[in-house]
Amino acid sequence: MSNEAGNRAQFFWTTKASPRFAEQNRVDFAIRADGQFHRYRLALGKHPAWAKQVITALRVDPGEWDHQSTQSAAFAIDYIRARRAN
């Protein structure tokens, strides 16, 4: 992911049991906002809202903007890859 502003992002998901995006289905992570692509690894397998669930949707909030802000910044996601934990 590349990002031009902010220092953290949020990764959300929904499941069959919890079909709406919600705070309990969220992981925050630090980002580098230099406009370059960086790889971020999120260890979700042990998160209680992720483990042994059927994931139905993903959402990335790429910066820490409040909903009243008129500020904008460019971001891009090249790919999202998942692998099954052993």
N, C-alpha and C. Protein backbone atom coordinates (compact mmCIF):
# COMPACT_ATOMS: atom_id res chain seq x y z
N MET A 1 0.86 -1.17 0.00
CA MET A 1 0.00 0.00 0.00
C MET A 1 0.90 1.23 0.00
N SER A 2 0.51 2.23 -0.72
CA SER A 2 1.19 3.52 -0.65
C SER A 2 0.19 4.54 -0.11
N ASN A 3 0.71 5.51 0.60
CA ASN A 3 -0.14 6.51 1.22
C ASN A 3 0.64 7.81 1.31
N GLU A 4 -0.04 8.94 1.12
CA GLU A 4 0.63 10.23 1.17
C GLU A 4 0.40 10.99 2.47
N ALA A 5 -0.41 10.47 3.39
CA ALA A 5 -0.68 11.19 4.63
C ALA A 5 -1.06 10.21 5.73
N GLY A 6 -0.90 10.66 6.96
CA GLY A 6 -1.28 9.86 8.12
C GLY A 6 -0.14 8.99 8.61
N ASN A 7 -0.32 8.37 9.77
CA ASN A 7 0.69 7.46 10.29
C ASN A 7 0.10 6.14 10.76
N ARG A 8 -1.19 5.94 10.55
CA ARG A 8 -1.80 4.65 10.88
C ARG A 8 -2.96 4.40 9.92
N ALA A 9 -3.34 3.14 9.83
CA ALA A 9 -4.48 2.74 9.00
C ALA A 9 -5.28 1.70 9.79
N GLN A 10 -6.45 1.38 9.28
CA GLN A 10 -7.31 0.39 9.94
C GLN A 10 -7.76 -0.64 8.91
N PHE A 11 -7.79 -1.89 9.35
CA PHE A 11 -8.23 -3.00 8.53
C PHE A 11 -9.46 -3.60 9.21
N PHE A 12 -10.57 -3.62 8.50
CA PHE A 12 -11.84 -4.14 9.02
C PHE A 12 -12.25 -5.38 8.22
N TRP A 13 -13.10 -6.21 8.81
CA TRP A 13 -13.67 -7.35 8.10
C TRP A 13 -15.06 -7.64 8.64
N THR A 14 -15.83 -8.35 7.83
CA THR A 14 -17.13 -8.87 8.27
C THR A 14 -17.09 -10.39 8.18
N THR A 15 -17.99 -11.03 8.90
CA THR A 15 -18.08 -12.49 8.89
C THR A 15 -19.54 -12.89 8.71
N LYS A 16 -19.77 -14.16 8.49
CA LYS A 16 -21.16 -14.64 8.41
C LYS A 16 -21.88 -14.35 9.71
N ALA A 17 -21.20 -14.50 10.83
CA ALA A 17 -21.82 -14.28 12.14
C ALA A 17 -21.94 -12.80 12.49
N SER A 18 -21.08 -11.95 11.92
CA SER A 18 -21.08 -10.51 12.19
C SER A 18 -21.00 -9.78 10.85
N PRO A 19 -22.15 -9.63 10.16
CA PRO A 19 -22.15 -9.18 8.76
C PRO A 19 -21.97 -7.68 8.53
N ARG A 20 -21.78 -6.89 9.58
CA ARG A 20 -21.57 -5.45 9.41
C ARG A 20 -20.17 -5.09 9.91
N PHE A 21 -19.57 -4.07 9.26
CA PHE A 21 -18.28 -3.59 9.72
C PHE A 21 -18.46 -3.00 11.12
N ALA A 22 -17.59 -3.40 12.04
CA ALA A 22 -17.73 -2.98 13.43
C ALA A 22 -16.34 -2.86 14.07
N GLU A 23 -16.27 -2.08 15.13
CA GLU A 23 -15.01 -1.84 15.81
C GLU A 23 -14.36 -3.12 16.33
N GLN A 24 -15.14 -4.10 16.75
CA GLN A 24 -14.55 -5.33 17.27
C GLN A 24 -13.90 -6.18 16.18
N ASN A 25 -14.23 -5.88 14.92
CA ASN A 25 -13.63 -6.58 13.77
C ASN A 25 -12.65 -5.62 13.08
N ARG A 26 -11.66 -5.16 13.85
CA ARG A 26 -10.75 -4.14 13.33
C ARG A 26 -9.36 -4.35 13.92
N VAL A 27 -8.35 -4.07 13.09
CA VAL A 27 -6.97 -4.03 13.53
C VAL A 27 -6.37 -2.72 13.03
N ASP A 28 -5.73 -1.98 13.93
CA ASP A 28 -5.00 -0.76 13.56
C ASP A 28 -3.55 -1.13 13.29
N PHE A 29 -2.92 -0.43 12.34
CA PHE A 29 -1.51 -0.69 12.08
C PHE A 29 -0.83 0.59 11.61
N ALA A 30 0.45 0.68 11.93
CA ALA A 30 1.25 1.85 11.57
C ALA A 30 1.58 1.80 10.08
N ILE A 31 1.62 2.97 9.44
CA ILE A 31 1.96 3.07 8.03
C ILE A 31 3.04 4.11 7.82
N ARG A 32 3.68 4.04 6.67
CA ARG A 32 4.65 5.06 6.25
C ARG A 32 3.99 5.87 5.15
N ALA A 33 3.83 7.16 5.38
CA ALA A 33 3.12 8.02 4.43
C ALA A 33 4.12 8.82 3.60
N ASP A 34 4.86 8.12 2.75
CA ASP A 34 5.85 8.77 1.90
C ASP A 34 5.54 8.63 0.41
N GLY A 35 4.35 8.12 0.09
CA GLY A 35 3.96 7.96 -1.30
C GLY A 35 4.56 6.75 -1.99
N GLN A 36 5.37 5.96 -1.29
CA GLN A 36 5.99 4.76 -1.84
C GLN A 36 5.21 3.53 -1.38
N PHE A 37 5.32 2.44 -2.14
CA PHE A 37 4.65 1.21 -1.73
C PHE A 37 5.44 0.53 -0.63
N HIS A 38 4.70 0.05 0.38
CA HIS A 38 5.27 -0.70 1.50
C HIS A 38 4.39 -1.92 1.74
N ARG A 39 4.99 -3.00 2.20
CA ARG A 39 4.26 -4.22 2.52
C ARG A 39 3.95 -4.20 4.02
N TYR A 40 2.70 -4.48 4.35
CA TYR A 40 2.25 -4.55 5.74
C TYR A 40 1.73 -5.95 6.01
N ARG A 41 2.15 -6.53 7.12
CA ARG A 41 1.69 -7.87 7.50
C ARG A 41 0.87 -7.76 8.78
N LEU A 42 -0.33 -8.25 8.71
CA LEU A 42 -1.24 -8.22 9.86
C LEU A 42 -1.48 -9.65 10.32
N ALA A 43 -1.20 -9.94 11.56
CA ALA A 43 -1.40 -11.28 12.11
C ALA A 43 -2.83 -11.36 12.65
N LEU A 44 -3.73 -11.81 11.81
CA LEU A 44 -5.15 -11.84 12.16
C LEU A 44 -5.61 -13.18 12.71
N GLY A 45 -4.87 -14.23 12.48
CA GLY A 45 -5.30 -15.58 12.81
C GLY A 45 -5.68 -15.81 14.26
N LYS A 46 -5.08 -15.07 15.18
CA LYS A 46 -5.40 -15.24 16.59
C LYS A 46 -6.38 -14.20 17.12
N HIS A 47 -6.80 -13.29 16.27
CA HIS A 47 -7.80 -12.30 16.70
C HIS A 47 -9.11 -13.03 16.93
N PRO A 48 -9.75 -12.86 18.08
CA PRO A 48 -10.97 -13.64 18.39
C PRO A 48 -12.12 -13.41 17.41
N ALA A 49 -12.17 -12.25 16.77
CA ALA A 49 -13.25 -11.99 15.82
C ALA A 49 -12.92 -12.50 14.42
N TRP A 50 -11.70 -12.99 14.21
CA TRP A 50 -11.28 -13.52 12.91
C TRP A 50 -11.16 -15.04 12.95
N ALA A 51 -10.58 -15.56 14.02
CA ALA A 51 -10.26 -16.98 14.12
C ALA A 51 -11.50 -17.85 13.92
N LYS A 52 -11.39 -18.83 13.06
CA LYS A 52 -12.43 -19.83 12.79
C LYS A 52 -13.74 -19.22 12.30
N GLN A 53 -13.67 -18.07 11.64
CA GLN A 53 -14.85 -17.42 11.09
C GLN A 53 -14.82 -17.51 9.56
N VAL A 54 -15.97 -17.36 8.94
CA VAL A 54 -16.05 -17.24 7.49
C VAL A 54 -16.03 -15.74 7.19
N ILE A 55 -14.94 -15.27 6.60
CA ILE A 55 -14.77 -13.84 6.29
C ILE A 55 -15.55 -13.54 5.02
N THR A 56 -16.39 -12.49 5.06
CA THR A 56 -17.25 -12.18 3.92
C THR A 56 -16.91 -10.87 3.23
N ALA A 57 -16.18 -9.97 3.89
CA ALA A 57 -15.82 -8.69 3.26
C ALA A 57 -14.62 -8.10 4.00
N LEU A 58 -13.85 -7.29 3.27
CA LEU A 58 -12.70 -6.59 3.83
C LEU A 58 -12.83 -5.10 3.55
N ARG A 59 -12.24 -4.29 4.43
CA ARG A 59 -12.24 -2.83 4.24
C ARG A 59 -10.93 -2.29 4.80
N VAL A 60 -10.30 -1.39 4.08
CA VAL A 60 -9.10 -0.71 4.57
C VAL A 60 -9.40 0.78 4.64
N ASP A 61 -9.18 1.36 5.82
CA ASP A 61 -9.25 2.82 5.98
C ASP A 61 -7.80 3.28 6.02
N PRO A 62 -7.31 3.91 4.95
CA PRO A 62 -5.87 4.11 4.79
C PRO A 62 -5.26 5.28 5.53
N GLY A 63 -5.96 5.97 6.34
CA GLY A 63 -5.40 7.09 7.09
C GLY A 63 -6.30 7.46 8.23
N GLU A 64 -5.87 8.41 9.02
CA GLU A 64 -6.65 8.76 10.21
C GLU A 64 -7.42 10.06 10.00
N TRP A 65 -8.36 10.04 9.11
CA TRP A 65 -9.17 11.23 8.82
C TRP A 65 -10.45 11.15 9.62
N ASP A 66 -10.88 12.28 10.16
CA ASP A 66 -12.19 12.26 10.80
C ASP A 66 -13.24 12.53 9.73
N HIS A 67 -14.47 12.26 10.04
CA HIS A 67 -15.52 12.34 9.03
C HIS A 67 -15.89 13.77 8.65
N GLN A 68 -15.45 14.76 9.41
CA GLN A 68 -15.72 16.14 9.06
C GLN A 68 -14.58 16.79 8.26
N SER A 69 -13.47 16.12 8.12
CA SER A 69 -12.30 16.68 7.45
C SER A 69 -12.56 16.88 5.96
N THR A 70 -12.04 17.96 5.43
CA THR A 70 -12.10 18.19 3.98
C THR A 70 -10.74 17.89 3.36
N GLN A 71 -9.79 17.46 4.16
CA GLN A 71 -8.46 17.12 3.69
C GLN A 71 -8.51 15.83 2.89
N SER A 72 -7.67 15.72 1.88
CA SER A 72 -7.61 14.49 1.10
C SER A 72 -6.15 14.15 0.82
N ALA A 73 -5.91 12.90 0.52
CA ALA A 73 -4.57 12.42 0.18
C ALA A 73 -4.71 11.18 -0.67
N ALA A 74 -3.74 10.96 -1.53
CA ALA A 74 -3.77 9.79 -2.41
C ALA A 74 -3.26 8.56 -1.67
N PHE A 75 -3.85 7.41 -2.01
CA PHE A 75 -3.37 6.12 -1.52
C PHE A 75 -3.64 5.09 -2.61
N ALA A 76 -2.94 3.97 -2.54
CA ALA A 76 -3.15 2.88 -3.49
C ALA A 76 -2.85 1.57 -2.79
N ILE A 77 -3.61 0.54 -3.16
CA ILE A 77 -3.37 -0.81 -2.66
C ILE A 77 -3.04 -1.67 -3.87
N ASP A 78 -1.87 -2.25 -3.87
CA ASP A 78 -1.44 -3.08 -4.99
C ASP A 78 -2.07 -4.47 -4.92
N TYR A 79 -2.06 -5.09 -3.74
CA TYR A 79 -2.67 -6.39 -3.58
C TYR A 79 -2.91 -6.67 -2.10
N ILE A 80 -3.81 -7.62 -1.84
CA ILE A 80 -4.03 -8.17 -0.51
C ILE A 80 -3.89 -9.67 -0.65
N ARG A 81 -3.03 -10.24 0.15
CA ARG A 81 -2.79 -11.68 0.10
C ARG A 81 -3.03 -12.27 1.48
N ALA A 82 -3.70 -13.38 1.52
CA ALA A 82 -3.96 -14.08 2.79
C ALA A 82 -3.36 -15.47 2.71
N ARG A 83 -2.94 -15.95 3.83
CA ARG A 83 -2.50 -17.34 3.90
C ARG A 83 -3.01 -17.95 5.18
N ARG A 84 -3.32 -19.20 5.11
CA ARG A 84 -3.85 -19.94 6.25
C ARG A 84 -2.75 -20.16 7.26
N ALA A 85 -3.04 -19.84 8.51
CA ALA A 85 -2.07 -20.08 9.58
C ALA A 85 -1.99 -21.57 9.85
N ASN A 86 -0.82 -22.04 10.19
CA ASN A 86 -0.63 -23.47 10.49
C ASN A 86 -1.12 -23.82 11.86
